[in-house]
Amino acid sequence: MVAGALCLCPPLMVAQDTIPTGVRVGLTYDPSTRPGVFVTAVAGEQGDSVRAMLARDLDFGDRLTVISADAGPPPSGRFNYELYSKLGASAIVQASVTPQGSLHLAVHDVAAKRVLNVADFAFNGAAPLSAEWRMAVHRASDEVERWITSVRGIAATRIAFVRDQRLWFVDSDGANLTPVGVGGIALSPAWHPTARYLAYASMGDDGTHINVRELTSGQTRRIRSQGGTNITPAFSPDGSTLVFSAGDDGTDLFAVAPFGSEAPRRVTFGRGTPTSSPTFSPDGRRIAYISGRLGHPEVYITDADGTNAELLTESPSGDRPYRASPDWSPDGRAVAFTSQEGPNLQVMVINMRDRKIRQLTGDARNEDPSWAPDGRHVVFTSTRSGAKQLWVLDTESGRTRQLTRGAGVARMAAWSPRMEQP
């Protein structure tokens, strides 16, 4: 048994080896490789579940190679670092669930033969395996990834999406599928940068409306309508502005303070053409959106006040030119969007520096991309499993994984910001 040979380990807390607060930590390794990480057996209540979640989260981050082995008993004694090195491990993750109700973590640097960092992550009284408990483990995973690679992970996030005309949440690992509890037909969810609020469009007999829901209390306020159609909301990066598409004869973009009483102001003037799907640049200065002013939908960008509009994409000549659903990456480097490519829709990305377009998908029908907070992963709707479900793509390696399963069409995904400690 591999783990039986690996149970020569020090206690979790080795004070003289920990890193002072504020000091940047990380392993030294070839950036063209993915450092190996071994997650040891976890002591305490629900230790097996914690170990499985930590390993899965680190794997899904696509920056580390998780080394699988029989966990064996929780480690004790001194680490045999040379043995871990022979297994390909650059780092060792050691954890325990404490009687005080927290997750205690230590990460070991195998090459340096020392503890890289140590921290505790509180469960805040959450019941084991509950959504709040799981999110605490995800936060721990994200910090482990940051300690090892200097890049924070994205496990502590959720994806909002539409299934059967209702809003749902699912954790980034595909677990904890939960209805939002919004009545009626709902469309186009959009996260506030604090992850405390969700904007969405609702459909009724009197048209569509934009709503902002406070997720903890469930309180919902309706934004003042601008005609019969009000769809595709998006928050600015600082959360002070909500932009959405509205109108009767054609649509334009309107901006409003989501928690104020002022009337929305018009941002674009499409002269009767459809304009929709706004998405902000990370600095809040520009907006990408879809407009049909050329007779078919393309992606445009404009200053946040509606000035200096320009065409961002231009479809090659064809029978059905079509672009839709833009989403500006959190690092500002690219805009992902949906494009008609041959008989199917595909997810594309345009580099904002040189305007070069790259196709990210090719199997089946793929649409509605939404970036993760790391600017590396996107979630999108795909028919590659036979029905429309959500999939996650690592845009650097091309690796994909299925996020949702089961009956019903999953679409209009929106990846949340990181869920910070409450």
Protein backbone atom coordinates (compact mmCIF):
# COMPACT_ATOMS: atom_id res chain seq x y z
CA MET A 1 0.00 0.00 0.00
CA VAL A 2 1.57 3.31 -1.07
CA ALA A 3 0.19 5.34 1.80
CA GLY A 4 1.56 2.89 4.33
CA ALA A 5 5.02 3.98 3.30
CA LEU A 6 4.04 7.63 3.43
CA CYS A 7 2.82 7.86 7.01
CA LEU A 8 6.12 9.17 8.40
CA CYS A 9 4.94 12.73 8.83
CA PRO A 10 5.32 15.66 11.24
CA PRO A 11 2.45 17.24 13.16
CA LEU A 12 0.39 19.74 11.20
CA MET A 13 1.60 22.85 13.02
CA VAL A 14 5.35 23.43 12.82
CA ALA A 15 5.60 27.03 14.01
CA GLN A 16 9.23 27.68 13.05
CA ASP A 17 8.53 26.65 9.44
CA THR A 18 5.42 28.74 8.81
CA ILE A 19 5.46 31.82 6.58
CA PRO A 20 4.93 35.26 8.17
CA THR A 21 1.72 37.05 7.28
CA GLY A 22 2.01 39.18 4.13
CA VAL A 23 4.95 37.25 2.68
CA ARG A 24 4.39 35.82 -0.80
CA VAL A 25 4.63 32.05 -0.82
CA GLY A 26 4.85 29.51 -3.60
CA LEU A 27 6.94 26.63 -4.86
CA THR A 28 9.77 27.06 -7.31
CA TYR A 29 9.05 24.92 -10.36
CA ASP A 30 9.18 24.93 -14.14
CA PRO A 31 6.20 27.07 -15.26
CA SER A 32 5.73 24.82 -18.28
CA THR A 33 4.87 21.92 -15.97
CA ARG A 34 2.12 21.24 -13.45
CA PRO A 35 3.64 20.51 -10.02
CA GLY A 36 2.50 17.29 -8.41
CA VAL A 37 0.59 17.46 -5.14
CA PHE A 38 -0.22 14.65 -2.73
CA VAL A 39 -3.23 15.06 -0.40
CA THR A 40 -2.79 12.88 2.67
CA ALA A 41 -5.57 11.20 4.64
CA VAL A 42 -7.50 13.70 6.76
CA ALA A 43 -8.09 13.17 10.46
CA GLY A 44 -11.35 14.09 12.17
CA GLU A 45 -15.05 14.04 11.35
CA GLN A 46 -15.81 13.66 7.61
CA GLY A 47 -12.08 13.38 6.89
CA ASP A 48 -12.61 11.18 3.82
CA SER A 49 -15.02 13.73 2.33
CA VAL A 50 -12.60 16.59 3.02
CA ARG A 51 -9.74 14.73 1.34
CA ALA A 52 -11.87 13.90 -1.71
CA MET A 53 -12.99 17.54 -2.06
CA LEU A 54 -9.49 18.95 -1.67
CA ALA A 55 -8.10 16.56 -4.28
CA ARG A 56 -10.97 17.22 -6.71
CA ASP A 57 -10.77 21.01 -6.32
CA LEU A 58 -7.01 21.04 -6.94
CA ASP A 59 -7.47 18.80 -9.98
CA PHE A 60 -10.23 20.99 -11.43
CA GLY A 61 -8.00 24.07 -11.09
CA ASP A 62 -5.82 22.64 -13.92
CA ARG A 63 -2.62 24.08 -12.45
CA LEU A 64 -1.61 21.05 -10.36
CA THR A 65 -1.30 17.31 -10.92
CA VAL A 66 -3.00 15.47 -8.05
CA ILE A 67 -1.18 12.24 -7.25
CA SER A 68 -3.64 9.48 -6.40
CA ALA A 69 -2.77 6.92 -3.75
CA ASP A 70 -4.43 4.88 -1.06
CA ALA A 71 -4.84 7.35 1.78
CA GLY A 72 -4.17 4.93 4.63
CA PRO A 73 -4.39 6.36 8.16
CA PRO A 74 -3.84 10.07 8.87
CA PRO A 75 -0.09 10.80 8.99
CA SER A 76 1.99 11.01 12.16
CA GLY A 77 5.69 11.28 12.87
CA ARG A 78 8.18 12.75 10.41
CA PHE A 79 7.78 13.05 6.65
CA ASN A 80 9.95 10.99 4.34
CA TYR A 81 10.26 13.81 1.76
CA GLU A 82 12.55 11.76 -0.51
CA LEU A 83 9.83 9.15 -0.98
CA TYR A 84 7.23 11.75 -1.89
CA SER A 85 9.70 13.26 -4.36
CA LYS A 86 10.12 9.89 -6.07
CA LEU A 87 6.32 9.75 -6.45
CA GLY A 88 6.46 13.07 -8.33
CA ALA A 89 5.11 15.27 -5.53
CA SER A 90 6.34 18.84 -5.30
CA ALA A 91 3.93 19.59 -2.46
CA ILE A 92 2.07 17.67 0.24
CA VAL A 93 -1.28 18.80 1.61
CA GLN A 94 -1.89 17.69 5.20
CA ALA A 95 -5.23 18.40 6.88
CA SER A 96 -7.37 17.65 9.91
CA VAL A 97 -10.86 18.57 11.07
CA THR A 98 -10.44 19.97 14.57
CA PRO A 99 -12.82 19.42 17.52
CA GLN A 100 -13.26 23.21 17.59
CA GLY A 101 -14.99 23.13 14.21
CA SER A 102 -12.37 24.21 11.70
CA LEU A 103 -10.25 22.72 8.95
CA HIS A 104 -6.54 22.86 9.81
CA LEU A 105 -4.22 22.78 6.80
CA ALA A 106 -0.50 22.58 6.25
CA VAL A 107 1.26 22.50 2.88
CA HIS A 108 4.77 21.05 2.69
CA ASP A 109 7.41 22.01 0.13
CA VAL A 110 8.96 18.65 -0.76
CA ALA A 111 12.16 20.00 -2.34
CA ALA A 112 12.85 22.37 0.56
CA LYS A 113 11.80 19.71 3.12
CA ARG A 114 9.78 22.17 5.16
CA VAL A 115 6.29 23.48 5.82
CA LEU A 116 5.32 26.10 3.25
CA ASN A 117 2.28 27.49 5.04
CA VAL A 118 -0.31 26.68 7.71
CA ALA A 119 -3.83 28.06 8.25
CA ASP A 120 -7.23 27.29 9.77
CA PHE A 121 -10.55 27.60 7.93
CA ALA A 122 -13.63 27.91 10.12
CA PHE A 123 -16.83 25.99 9.41
CA ASN A 124 -18.74 28.60 11.47
CA GLY A 125 -21.01 25.98 12.95
CA ALA A 126 -22.19 24.66 9.58
CA ALA A 127 -23.48 21.10 9.59
CA PRO A 128 -21.08 18.60 8.00
CA LEU A 129 -21.59 18.24 4.23
CA SER A 130 -24.00 21.21 4.13
CA ALA A 131 -23.59 23.87 1.45
CA GLU A 132 -21.86 26.24 3.91
CA TRP A 133 -19.57 23.48 5.15
CA ARG A 134 -18.63 22.53 1.61
CA MET A 135 -17.89 26.16 0.74
CA ALA A 136 -15.44 26.36 3.66
CA VAL A 137 -13.55 23.37 2.24
CA HIS A 138 -13.58 25.00 -1.21
CA ARG A 139 -12.06 28.18 0.28
CA ALA A 140 -9.33 26.08 1.82
CA SER A 141 -8.63 24.44 -1.54
CA ASP A 142 -8.32 27.83 -3.20
CA GLU A 143 -5.76 28.98 -0.63
CA VAL A 144 -3.77 25.78 -1.04
CA GLU A 145 -3.61 26.43 -4.78
CA ARG A 146 -2.45 29.98 -4.10
CA TRP A 147 0.24 28.81 -1.67
CA ILE A 148 1.63 26.39 -4.23
CA THR A 149 1.21 28.30 -7.52
CA SER A 150 0.72 31.92 -6.33
CA VAL A 151 -2.65 31.88 -8.17
CA ARG A 152 -5.84 31.59 -6.13
CA GLY A 153 -8.19 28.78 -7.10
CA ILE A 154 -11.84 28.99 -8.19
CA ALA A 155 -13.39 26.17 -6.15
CA ALA A 156 -15.23 28.58 -3.82
CA THR A 157 -17.56 29.76 -6.57
CA ARG A 158 -21.02 28.92 -7.87
CA ILE A 159 -22.68 28.95 -11.25
CA ALA A 160 -26.18 30.34 -11.66
CA PHE A 161 -28.12 29.04 -14.64
CA VAL A 162 -31.57 28.47 -16.11
CA ARG A 163 -33.23 25.05 -16.22
CA ASP A 164 -36.85 24.59 -17.23
CA GLN A 165 -37.30 28.39 -17.08
CA ARG A 166 -36.23 28.49 -13.42
CA LEU A 167 -33.03 29.71 -11.78
CA TRP A 168 -30.63 27.26 -10.16
CA PHE A 169 -27.23 27.28 -8.44
CA VAL A 170 -24.55 24.61 -8.63
CA ASP A 171 -21.13 24.61 -6.98
CA SER A 172 -18.09 24.78 -9.24
CA ASP A 173 -17.47 21.05 -8.74
CA GLY A 174 -20.99 20.14 -9.88
CA ALA A 175 -22.33 19.41 -6.38
CA ASN A 176 -25.00 21.13 -4.28
CA LEU A 177 -27.55 21.71 -7.05
CA THR A 178 -30.07 24.13 -5.53
CA PRO A 179 -33.10 26.07 -6.85
CA VAL A 180 -32.87 29.81 -6.27
CA GLY A 181 -36.53 30.01 -5.29
CA VAL A 182 -37.57 32.67 -7.77
CA GLY A 183 -41.16 32.26 -8.92
CA GLY A 184 -42.28 32.49 -12.55
CA ILE A 185 -40.18 32.32 -15.69
CA ALA A 186 -36.63 33.58 -15.14
CA LEU A 187 -33.83 34.32 -17.62
CA SER A 188 -30.27 35.66 -17.86
CA PRO A 189 -28.85 35.58 -14.30
CA ALA A 190 -26.00 38.00 -13.51
CA TRP A 191 -23.91 38.20 -10.33
CA HIS A 192 -23.18 41.30 -8.28
CA PRO A 193 -19.38 41.56 -7.64
CA THR A 194 -19.95 40.83 -3.93
CA ALA A 195 -21.89 37.63 -4.84
CA ARG A 196 -24.60 38.84 -2.44
CA TYR A 197 -27.08 39.75 -5.18
CA LEU A 198 -28.33 38.19 -8.38
CA ALA A 199 -29.95 40.17 -11.19
CA TYR A 200 -32.19 38.37 -13.65
CA ALA A 201 -35.00 38.92 -16.13
CA SER A 202 -38.50 37.64 -15.36
CA MET A 203 -41.28 37.10 -17.85
CA GLY A 204 -44.96 37.83 -17.22
CA ASP A 205 -48.14 38.78 -19.02
CA ASP A 206 -47.05 42.44 -18.98
CA GLY A 207 -43.66 41.74 -20.58
CA THR A 208 -40.23 41.09 -19.15
CA HIS A 209 -38.71 42.84 -16.15
CA ILE A 210 -35.31 43.14 -14.49
CA ASN A 211 -35.08 42.11 -10.85
CA VAL A 212 -32.31 42.23 -8.23
CA ARG A 213 -32.49 39.57 -5.51
CA GLU A 214 -30.61 39.66 -2.21
CA LEU A 215 -29.60 36.03 -1.87
CA THR A 216 -29.47 35.72 1.92
CA SER A 217 -32.86 37.26 2.69
CA GLY A 218 -34.58 36.51 -0.61
CA GLN A 219 -35.78 40.11 -0.86
CA THR A 220 -36.25 41.18 -4.48
CA ARG A 221 -36.68 44.61 -6.03
CA ARG A 222 -37.83 45.32 -9.57
CA ILE A 223 -35.94 47.78 -11.76
CA ARG A 224 -38.11 50.36 -13.51
CA SER A 225 -39.10 48.96 -16.92
CA GLN A 226 -38.23 50.63 -20.23
CA GLY A 227 -40.83 49.21 -22.60
CA GLY A 228 -42.20 45.71 -22.94
CA THR A 229 -38.81 44.00 -23.26
CA ASN A 230 -36.28 44.17 -20.41
CA ILE A 231 -33.58 41.50 -20.57
CA THR A 232 -29.87 40.55 -20.14
CA PRO A 233 -28.77 42.51 -17.04
CA ALA A 234 -25.10 42.98 -16.09
CA PHE A 235 -23.48 44.64 -13.06
CA SER A 236 -20.50 46.96 -13.34
CA PRO A 237 -17.31 45.71 -11.62
CA ASP A 238 -17.87 48.00 -8.63
CA GLY A 239 -21.54 47.04 -8.36
CA SER A 240 -22.78 50.63 -8.58
CA THR A 241 -24.40 50.29 -12.01
CA LEU A 242 -26.72 47.78 -13.64
CA VAL A 243 -26.93 47.78 -17.44
CA PHE A 244 -29.67 45.92 -19.31
CA SER A 245 -31.38 45.75 -22.69
CA ALA A 246 -34.84 47.27 -23.06
CA GLY A 247 -37.31 48.69 -25.54
CA ASP A 248 -40.39 48.11 -27.69
CA ASP A 249 -39.42 48.68 -31.31
CA GLY A 250 -35.88 47.33 -31.12
CA THR A 251 -33.86 47.47 -27.92
CA ASP A 252 -31.07 49.58 -26.48
CA LEU A 253 -28.86 49.43 -23.43
CA PHE A 254 -29.96 51.31 -20.31
CA ALA A 255 -27.98 51.96 -17.11
CA VAL A 256 -29.34 52.41 -13.59
CA ALA A 257 -28.12 52.42 -9.98
CA PRO A 258 -29.45 49.01 -8.86
CA PHE A 259 -30.25 50.13 -5.33
CA GLY A 260 -31.34 53.70 -6.03
CA SER A 261 -34.57 55.36 -7.15
CA GLU A 262 -33.38 57.17 -10.28
CA ALA A 263 -34.82 56.34 -13.69
CA PRO A 264 -32.62 54.32 -16.06
CA ARG A 265 -30.65 56.34 -18.61
CA ARG A 266 -30.11 55.29 -22.20
CA VAL A 267 -26.58 54.20 -23.13
CA THR A 268 -26.95 53.18 -26.79
CA PHE A 269 -29.09 54.48 -29.67
CA GLY A 270 -29.73 51.60 -32.02
CA ARG A 271 -32.49 53.26 -34.07
CA GLY A 272 -34.82 50.29 -33.94
CA THR A 273 -32.22 47.52 -34.14
CA PRO A 274 -31.84 44.89 -31.39
CA THR A 275 -29.10 45.60 -28.85
CA SER A 276 -28.50 43.27 -25.90
CA SER A 277 -26.14 41.18 -23.73
CA PRO A 278 -23.91 43.85 -22.14
CA THR A 279 -20.71 42.86 -20.34
CA PHE A 280 -18.28 45.23 -18.62
CA SER A 281 -14.53 45.40 -18.96
CA PRO A 282 -12.85 44.74 -15.57
CA ASP A 283 -12.04 48.44 -15.09
CA GLY A 284 -15.67 49.38 -15.75
CA ARG A 285 -14.76 51.81 -18.52
CA ARG A 286 -16.09 49.89 -21.51
CA ILE A 287 -19.01 47.62 -22.37
CA ALA A 288 -19.14 44.85 -24.95
CA TYR A 289 -22.58 44.02 -26.31
CA ILE A 290 -24.51 42.56 -29.24
CA SER A 291 -26.07 44.74 -31.92
CA GLY A 292 -27.92 43.90 -35.14
CA ARG A 293 -27.24 47.21 -36.85
CA LEU A 294 -25.47 45.42 -39.75
CA GLY A 295 -28.51 43.25 -40.36
CA HIS A 296 -27.13 40.40 -38.25
CA PRO A 297 -25.79 40.27 -34.67
CA GLU A 298 -22.16 41.14 -34.04
CA VAL A 299 -20.14 42.09 -30.94
CA TYR A 300 -19.50 45.80 -30.40
CA ILE A 301 -17.73 47.74 -27.67
CA THR A 302 -18.45 51.20 -26.37
CA ASP A 303 -17.37 53.48 -23.56
CA ALA A 304 -19.56 53.01 -20.49
CA ASP A 305 -21.41 56.25 -21.28
CA GLY A 306 -22.28 55.05 -24.81
CA THR A 307 -19.65 57.03 -26.71
CA ASN A 308 -16.95 55.72 -29.04
CA ALA A 309 -18.85 52.63 -30.17
CA GLU A 310 -16.96 50.32 -32.53
CA LEU A 311 -17.36 46.91 -34.12
CA LEU A 312 -15.34 44.26 -32.30
CA THR A 313 -16.13 41.20 -34.43
CA GLU A 314 -16.96 40.85 -38.06
CA SER A 315 -18.39 37.59 -39.39
CA PRO A 316 -16.91 36.25 -42.60
CA SER A 317 -19.27 36.14 -45.51
CA GLY A 318 -21.67 33.23 -45.18
CA ASP A 319 -25.26 32.17 -45.21
CA ARG A 320 -25.94 32.73 -41.50
CA PRO A 321 -23.55 35.20 -39.85
CA TYR A 322 -24.34 35.27 -36.14
CA ARG A 323 -22.53 36.38 -32.97
CA ALA A 324 -24.05 36.41 -29.46
CA SER A 325 -23.53 36.21 -25.68
CA PRO A 326 -20.25 38.10 -25.14
CA ASP A 327 -18.50 37.90 -21.77
CA TRP A 328 -15.43 40.01 -20.94
CA SER A 329 -12.72 38.05 -19.11
CA PRO A 330 -11.86 39.16 -15.54
CA ASP A 331 -8.27 39.92 -16.57
CA GLY A 332 -9.49 42.13 -19.43
CA ARG A 333 -7.49 40.28 -22.07
CA ALA A 334 -10.29 38.65 -24.03
CA VAL A 335 -14.00 38.53 -24.78
CA ALA A 336 -15.64 35.13 -25.18
CA PHE A 337 -18.75 34.87 -27.34
CA THR A 338 -20.96 32.52 -29.35
CA SER A 339 -20.52 32.30 -33.12
CA GLN A 340 -22.20 30.46 -35.95
CA GLU A 341 -19.49 28.22 -37.40
CA GLY A 342 -20.83 25.94 -40.12
CA PRO A 343 -23.94 24.05 -39.01
CA ASN A 344 -23.39 24.65 -35.28
CA LEU A 345 -22.83 27.38 -32.73
CA GLN A 346 -19.37 27.40 -31.16
CA VAL A 347 -17.62 29.25 -28.34
CA MET A 348 -14.98 31.69 -29.56
CA VAL A 349 -12.63 34.13 -27.87
CA ILE A 350 -11.20 37.37 -29.24
CA ASN A 351 -7.91 38.75 -27.95
CA MET A 352 -8.43 42.41 -27.04
CA ARG A 353 -4.87 43.37 -27.92
CA ASP A 354 -4.56 42.11 -31.49
CA ARG A 355 -8.26 41.27 -32.18
CA LYS A 356 -7.37 37.73 -33.22
CA ILE A 357 -10.21 35.20 -32.83
CA ARG A 358 -9.69 31.66 -31.55
CA GLN A 359 -12.25 28.87 -31.57
CA LEU A 360 -12.52 27.09 -28.21
CA THR A 361 -15.07 24.36 -28.98
CA GLY A 362 -15.79 22.07 -31.92
CA ASP A 363 -17.89 19.14 -30.79
CA ALA A 364 -21.69 19.50 -31.17
CA ARG A 365 -23.47 22.80 -30.38
CA ASN A 366 -21.81 25.12 -27.83
CA GLU A 367 -22.96 28.54 -26.65
CA ASP A 368 -23.38 31.11 -23.84
CA PRO A 369 -19.84 31.23 -22.35
CA SER A 370 -19.19 32.75 -18.92
CA TRP A 371 -15.71 33.29 -17.46
CA ALA A 372 -14.54 32.01 -14.09
CA PRO A 373 -12.83 34.55 -11.79
CA ASP A 374 -9.40 33.21 -12.82
CA GLY A 375 -9.84 34.32 -16.46
CA ARG A 376 -8.80 30.83 -17.53
CA HIS A 377 -11.92 28.66 -17.32
CA VAL A 378 -15.30 29.17 -18.97
CA VAL A 379 -18.64 27.49 -18.40
CA PHE A 380 -20.91 27.05 -21.42
CA THR A 381 -23.94 25.15 -22.69
CA SER A 382 -23.23 22.15 -24.91
CA THR A 383 -25.15 19.32 -26.56
CA ARG A 384 -22.08 17.03 -26.66
CA SER A 385 -23.67 14.66 -24.12
CA GLY A 386 -26.88 14.48 -26.19
CA ALA A 387 -28.84 17.15 -24.31
CA LYS A 388 -28.05 20.75 -23.37
CA GLN A 389 -25.94 20.66 -20.21
CA LEU A 390 -23.29 22.89 -18.68
CA TRP A 391 -19.64 22.10 -19.30
CA VAL A 392 -16.42 23.70 -18.03
CA LEU A 393 -13.44 24.31 -20.32
CA ASP A 394 -9.85 25.10 -19.39
CA THR A 395 -8.97 27.54 -22.18
CA GLU A 396 -5.22 26.83 -21.83
CA SER A 397 -5.16 23.02 -21.98
CA GLY A 398 -8.50 22.40 -23.72
CA ARG A 399 -9.61 20.04 -20.95
CA THR A 400 -13.39 19.86 -20.48
CA ARG A 401 -15.63 18.41 -17.77
CA GLN A 402 -19.38 18.11 -17.49
CA LEU A 403 -20.90 20.26 -14.73
CA THR A 404 -24.65 19.47 -14.82
CA ARG A 405 -26.56 16.28 -15.51
CA GLY A 406 -30.11 15.02 -15.35
CA ALA A 407 -33.36 15.99 -16.98
CA GLY A 408 -34.01 19.46 -18.34
CA VAL A 409 -32.06 21.90 -20.48
CA ALA A 410 -29.30 23.82 -18.67
CA ARG A 411 -28.39 27.16 -20.23
CA MET A 412 -27.59 30.85 -19.63
CA ALA A 413 -24.83 30.10 -17.11
CA ALA A 414 -23.23 32.88 -15.06
CA TRP A 415 -20.07 32.11 -13.07
CA SER A 416 -19.99 33.86 -9.70
CA PRO A 417 -17.19 35.86 -8.15
CA ARG A 418 -15.32 34.05 -5.38
CA MET A 419 -17.50 33.44 -2.34
CA GLU A 420 -15.63 35.25 0.43
CA GLN A 421 -15.79 34.27 4.09
CA PRO A 422 -19.06 35.67 5.56
